[in-house]
């Protein structure tokens, strides 16, 4: 069951979360895909993930994996058949597909592997040093911001 949720009040009181709200609103509208091919998303570790797609009937050269900004697109296009055999029953759904995955910030796409009809794509969260938490040293005494600036000036003059 999908519900329509209005994020407008949250948009007014936050800064820099536009992309998050866009993703949430898109998710509540439903996904237009038909669920083909089926896939799993697994968390392998603290900052590593893996997407596995069941692509039976495809060869690795018929599948294209493209990582662009915060989106991963997996496309499968079957090669033309040679017409040597005539199918009496065709139960393996090997039709062309395009599957898109929205990636969070700082998620990088690693290597892709193909084994036994499963396409596996490694993902890793790589947070830049500037974004990682850092410990701030606390100086002695209480000082106002203006006093901090004057201390910096005195330190540079004495050096």
C-alpha atoms as a PDB file:
ATOM      1  CA  UNK A   1       0.000   0.000   0.000  1.00  0.00           C
ATOM      2  CA  UNK A   2       1.387   3.372  -1.011  1.00  0.00           C
ATOM      3  CA  UNK A   3       0.489   6.617   0.703  1.00  0.00           C
ATOM      4  CA  UNK A   4       0.930  10.174  -0.460  1.00  0.00           C
ATOM      5  CA  UNK A   5       3.025  12.001   2.101  1.00  0.00           C
ATOM      6  CA  UNK A   6       3.665  15.727   1.834  1.00  0.00           C
ATOM      7  CA  UNK A   7       7.279  16.649   2.590  1.00  0.00           C
ATOM      8  CA  UNK A   8       6.681  20.402   2.166  1.00  0.00           C
ATOM      9  CA  UNK A   9       6.907  21.273   5.896  1.00  0.00           C
ATOM     10  CA  UNK A  10      10.218  19.422   6.130  1.00  0.00           C
ATOM     11  CA  UNK A  11      11.556  21.114   2.993  1.00  0.00           C
ATOM     12  CA  UNK A  12      10.850  24.523   4.554  1.00  0.00           C
ATOM     13  CA  UNK A  13      12.736  23.759   7.764  1.00  0.00           C
ATOM     14  CA  UNK A  14      15.807  21.995   6.374  1.00  0.00           C
ATOM     15  CA  UNK A  15      18.698  22.978   4.153  1.00  0.00           C
ATOM     16  CA  UNK A  16      20.493  20.691   1.729  1.00  0.00           C
ATOM     17  CA  UNK A  17      18.129  17.711   1.892  1.00  0.00           C
ATOM     18  CA  UNK A  18      16.377  18.366  -1.429  1.00  0.00           C
ATOM     19  CA  UNK A  19      17.787  15.261  -3.073  1.00  0.00           C
ATOM     20  CA  UNK A  20      16.700  13.075  -0.155  1.00  0.00           C
ATOM     21  CA  UNK A  21      13.132  14.388  -0.303  1.00  0.00           C
ATOM     22  CA  UNK A  22      13.060  13.936  -4.090  1.00  0.00           C
ATOM     23  CA  UNK A  23      14.101  10.295  -3.648  1.00  0.00           C
ATOM     24  CA  UNK A  24      11.472   9.729  -0.959  1.00  0.00           C
ATOM     25  CA  UNK A  25       8.747  11.278  -3.107  1.00  0.00           C
ATOM     26  CA  UNK A  26       9.798   9.218  -6.122  1.00  0.00           C
ATOM     27  CA  UNK A  27       9.745   6.059  -4.000  1.00  0.00           C
ATOM     28  CA  UNK A  28       6.189   6.691  -2.789  1.00  0.00           C
ATOM     29  CA  UNK A  29       4.955   7.016  -6.366  1.00  0.00           C
ATOM     30  CA  UNK A  30       5.900   3.434  -7.071  1.00  0.00           C
ATOM     31  CA  UNK A  31       8.406   1.881  -9.396  1.00  0.00           C
ATOM     32  CA  UNK A  32       7.398   1.554 -13.038  1.00  0.00           C
ATOM     33  CA  UNK A  33       9.520  -1.545 -13.562  1.00  0.00           C
ATOM     34  CA  UNK A  34       7.971  -4.998 -13.678  1.00  0.00           C
ATOM     35  CA  UNK A  35      10.491  -6.616 -11.334  1.00  0.00           C
ATOM     36  CA  UNK A  36      12.641  -8.116 -14.089  1.00  0.00           C
ATOM     37  CA  UNK A  37      15.328  -9.145 -13.590  1.00  0.00           C
ATOM     38  CA  UNK A  38      15.081 -10.060  -9.917  1.00  0.00           C
ATOM     39  CA  UNK A  39      17.890  -8.792  -7.696  1.00  0.00           C
ATOM     40  CA  UNK A  40      19.315  -8.863  -4.170  1.00  0.00           C
ATOM     41  CA  UNK A  41      21.058  -6.080  -2.277  1.00  0.00           C
ATOM     42  CA  UNK A  42      23.404  -7.339   0.436  1.00  0.00           C
ATOM     43  CA  UNK A  43      25.410  -5.421   3.006  1.00  0.00           C
ATOM     44  CA  UNK A  44      28.782  -7.191   3.088  1.00  0.00           C
ATOM     45  CA  UNK A  45      30.408  -4.984   5.713  1.00  0.00           C
ATOM     46  CA  UNK A  46      30.316  -1.624   7.443  1.00  0.00           C
ATOM     47  CA  UNK A  47      30.885   0.302   4.196  1.00  0.00           C
ATOM     48  CA  UNK A  48      30.511  -2.340   1.483  1.00  0.00           C
ATOM     49  CA  UNK A  49      27.470  -3.577  -0.396  1.00  0.00           C
ATOM     50  CA  UNK A  50      26.730  -5.938  -3.262  1.00  0.00           C
ATOM     51  CA  UNK A  51      23.921  -5.974  -5.815  1.00  0.00           C
ATOM     52  CA  UNK A  52      23.268  -9.347  -7.445  1.00  0.00           C
ATOM     53  CA  UNK A  53      20.969  -9.638 -10.459  1.00  0.00           C
ATOM     54  CA  UNK A  54      19.632 -12.936 -11.833  1.00  0.00           C
ATOM     55  CA  UNK A  55      20.333 -12.617 -15.561  1.00  0.00           C
ATOM     56  CA  UNK A  56      19.870 -16.183 -16.770  1.00  0.00           C
ATOM     57  CA  UNK A  57      20.132 -16.509 -20.531  1.00  0.00           C
ATOM     58  CA  UNK A  58      22.458 -13.526 -20.953  1.00  0.00           C
ATOM     59  CA  UNK A  59      26.158 -13.601 -21.727  1.00  0.00           C
ATOM     60  CA  UNK A  60      28.507 -11.057 -20.086  1.00  0.00           C
ATOM     61  CA  UNK A  61      28.981  -9.250 -23.426  1.00  0.00           C
ATOM     62  CA  UNK A  62      25.199  -8.654 -23.630  1.00  0.00           C
ATOM     63  CA  UNK A  63      25.115  -6.762 -20.319  1.00  0.00           C
ATOM     64  CA  UNK A  64      26.221  -3.179 -19.764  1.00  0.00           C
ATOM     65  CA  UNK A  65      26.845  -1.634 -16.326  1.00  0.00           C
ATOM     66  CA  UNK A  66      27.076   2.170 -16.177  1.00  0.00           C
ATOM     67  CA  UNK A  67      27.772   4.238 -13.062  1.00  0.00           C
ATOM     68  CA  UNK A  68      26.983   7.914 -13.490  1.00  0.00           C
ATOM     69  CA  UNK A  69      26.823  10.394 -10.607  1.00  0.00           C
ATOM     70  CA  UNK A  70      24.482   8.822  -8.030  1.00  0.00           C
ATOM     71  CA  UNK A  71      22.895   6.268 -10.328  1.00  0.00           C
ATOM     72  CA  UNK A  72      23.810   2.755 -11.398  1.00  0.00           C
ATOM     73  CA  UNK A  73      22.202   1.465 -14.588  1.00  0.00           C
ATOM     74  CA  UNK A  74      22.324  -2.177 -15.659  1.00  0.00           C
ATOM     75  CA  UNK A  75      21.128  -2.896 -19.192  1.00  0.00           C
ATOM     76  CA  UNK A  76      20.753  -6.240 -20.921  1.00  0.00           C
ATOM     77  CA  UNK A  77      20.239  -6.600 -24.676  1.00  0.00           C
ATOM     78  CA  UNK A  78      20.017 -10.066 -26.162  1.00  0.00           C
ATOM     79  CA  UNK A  79      21.903 -10.748 -29.354  1.00  0.00           C
ATOM     80  CA  UNK A  80      19.904 -11.882 -32.362  1.00  0.00           C
ATOM     81  CA  UNK A  81      19.278 -15.608 -32.381  1.00  0.00           C
ATOM     82  CA  UNK A  82      20.720 -17.712 -35.161  1.00  0.00           C
ATOM     83  CA  UNK A  83      17.376 -19.480 -35.740  1.00  0.00           C
ATOM     84  CA  UNK A  84      18.893 -22.992 -35.657  1.00  0.00           C
ATOM     85  CA  UNK A  85      16.455 -24.327 -33.071  1.00  0.00           C
ATOM     86  CA  UNK A  86      12.692 -23.970 -32.760  1.00  0.00           C
ATOM     87  CA  UNK A  87      11.421 -23.534 -29.213  1.00  0.00           C
ATOM     88  CA  UNK A  88       8.544 -25.730 -28.126  1.00  0.00           C
ATOM     89  CA  UNK A  89       8.424 -23.943 -24.789  1.00  0.00           C
ATOM     90  CA  UNK A  90      10.340 -20.853 -23.719  1.00  0.00           C
ATOM     91  CA  UNK A  91      10.223 -20.485 -19.947  1.00  0.00           C
ATOM     92  CA  UNK A  92      13.472 -18.591 -19.355  1.00  0.00           C
ATOM     93  CA  UNK A  93      12.592 -14.921 -19.452  1.00  0.00           C
ATOM     94  CA  UNK A  94      15.557 -13.500 -21.321  1.00  0.00           C
ATOM     95  CA  UNK A  95      14.044 -10.281 -22.600  1.00  0.00           C
ATOM     96  CA  UNK A  96      15.862  -6.978 -22.818  1.00  0.00           C
ATOM     97  CA  UNK A  97      15.896  -4.988 -19.589  1.00  0.00           C
ATOM     98  CA  UNK A  98      17.121  -1.844 -17.914  1.00  0.00           C
ATOM     99  CA  UNK A  99      17.364  -1.689 -14.124  1.00  0.00           C
ATOM    100  CA  UNK A 100      18.305   1.538 -12.317  1.00  0.00           C
ATOM    101  CA  UNK A 101      19.584   1.920  -8.762  1.00  0.00           C
ATOM    102  CA  UNK A 102      19.823   5.264  -6.961  1.00  0.00           C
ATOM    103  CA  UNK A 103      23.066   5.434  -5.010  1.00  0.00           C
ATOM    104  CA  UNK A 104      23.645   7.469  -1.872  1.00  0.00           C
ATOM    105  CA  UNK A 105      26.353  10.103  -1.717  1.00  0.00           C
ATOM    106  CA  UNK A 106      29.917   8.749  -1.549  1.00  0.00           C
ATOM    107  CA  UNK A 107      28.940   5.285  -2.862  1.00  0.00           C
ATOM    108  CA  UNK A 108      31.414   4.138  -5.493  1.00  0.00           C
ATOM    109  CA  UNK A 109      30.798   1.262  -7.881  1.00  0.00           C
ATOM    110  CA  UNK A 110      33.570  -1.314  -7.810  1.00  0.00           C
ATOM    111  CA  UNK A 111      34.039  -4.368  -9.954  1.00  0.00           C
ATOM    112  CA  UNK A 112      31.315  -6.483 -11.551  1.00  0.00           C
ATOM    113  CA  UNK A 113      31.450 -10.248 -11.884  1.00  0.00           C
ATOM    114  CA  UNK A 114      29.366 -12.784 -13.787  1.00  0.00           C
ATOM    115  CA  UNK A 115      29.026 -16.349 -12.544  1.00  0.00           C
ATOM    116  CA  UNK A 116      26.345 -19.008 -13.131  1.00  0.00           C
ATOM    117  CA  UNK A 117      23.808 -16.537 -14.527  1.00  0.00           C
ATOM    118  CA  UNK A 118      24.260 -14.047 -11.675  1.00  0.00           C
ATOM    119  CA  UNK A 119      25.697 -10.579 -12.183  1.00  0.00           C
ATOM    120  CA  UNK A 120      27.301  -9.288  -8.992  1.00  0.00           C
ATOM    121  CA  UNK A 121      28.293  -5.613  -8.585  1.00  0.00           C
ATOM    122  CA  UNK A 122      30.405  -4.451  -5.636  1.00  0.00           C
ATOM    123  CA  UNK A 123      29.683  -1.071  -4.034  1.00  0.00           C
ATOM    124  CA  UNK A 124      31.699   0.754  -1.397  1.00  0.00           C
ATOM    125  CA  UNK A 125      31.055   3.860   0.665  1.00  0.00           C
ATOM    126  CA  UNK A 126      34.119   6.108   0.435  1.00  0.00           C
ATOM    127  CA  UNK A 127      33.749   9.147   2.670  1.00  0.00           C
ATOM    128  CA  UNK A 128      36.248  11.951   1.933  1.00  0.00           C
ATOM    129  CA  UNK A 129      38.599  12.925   4.754  1.00  0.00           C
ATOM    130  CA  UNK A 130      36.971  16.353   4.987  1.00  0.00           C
ATOM    131  CA  UNK A 131      33.612  14.699   5.729  1.00  0.00           C
ATOM    132  CA  UNK A 132      34.873  12.293   8.402  1.00  0.00           C
ATOM    133  CA  UNK A 133      34.399  13.246  12.049  1.00  0.00           C
ATOM    134  CA  UNK A 134      37.399  14.875  13.653  1.00  0.00           C
ATOM    135  CA  UNK A 135      38.160  15.653  17.263  1.00  0.00           C
ATOM    136  CA  UNK A 136      38.394  19.325  18.133  1.00  0.00           C
ATOM    137  CA  UNK A 137      40.842  20.242  20.899  1.00  0.00           C
ATOM    138  CA  UNK A 138      39.421  22.409  23.650  1.00  0.00           C
ATOM    139  CA  UNK A 139      41.663  25.175  24.927  1.00  0.00           C
ATOM    140  CA  UNK A 140      41.802  26.311  28.548  1.00  0.00           C
ATOM    141  CA  UNK A 141      39.671  29.179  29.855  1.00  0.00           C
ATOM    142  CA  UNK A 142      36.654  30.808  28.344  1.00  0.00           C
ATOM    143  CA  UNK A 143      37.119  33.091  25.420  1.00  0.00           C
ATOM    144  CA  UNK A 144      34.858  34.892  23.000  1.00  0.00           C
ATOM    145  CA  UNK A 145      35.313  34.480  19.234  1.00  0.00           C
ATOM    146  CA  UNK A 146      37.088  37.865  19.026  1.00  0.00           C
ATOM    147  CA  UNK A 147      39.619  36.734  21.604  1.00  0.00           C
ATOM    148  CA  UNK A 148      40.360  33.623  19.580  1.00  0.00           C
ATOM    149  CA  UNK A 149      41.218  35.778  16.548  1.00  0.00           C
ATOM    150  CA  UNK A 150      43.502  38.018  18.622  1.00  0.00           C
ATOM    151  CA  UNK A 151      45.289  34.928  19.990  1.00  0.00           C
ATOM    152  CA  UNK A 152      45.908  33.748  16.416  1.00  0.00           C
ATOM    153  CA  UNK A 153      47.336  37.155  15.495  1.00  0.00           C
ATOM    154  CA  UNK A 154      49.639  37.170  18.535  1.00  0.00           C
ATOM    155  CA  UNK A 155      50.829  33.654  17.712  1.00  0.00           C
ATOM    156  CA  UNK A 156      51.734  34.615  14.147  1.00  0.00           C
ATOM    157  CA  UNK A 157      53.511  37.806  15.326  1.00  0.00           C
ATOM    158  CA  UNK A 158      55.640  35.916  17.839  1.00  0.00           C
ATOM    159  CA  UNK A 159      56.587  33.239  15.315  1.00  0.00           C
END
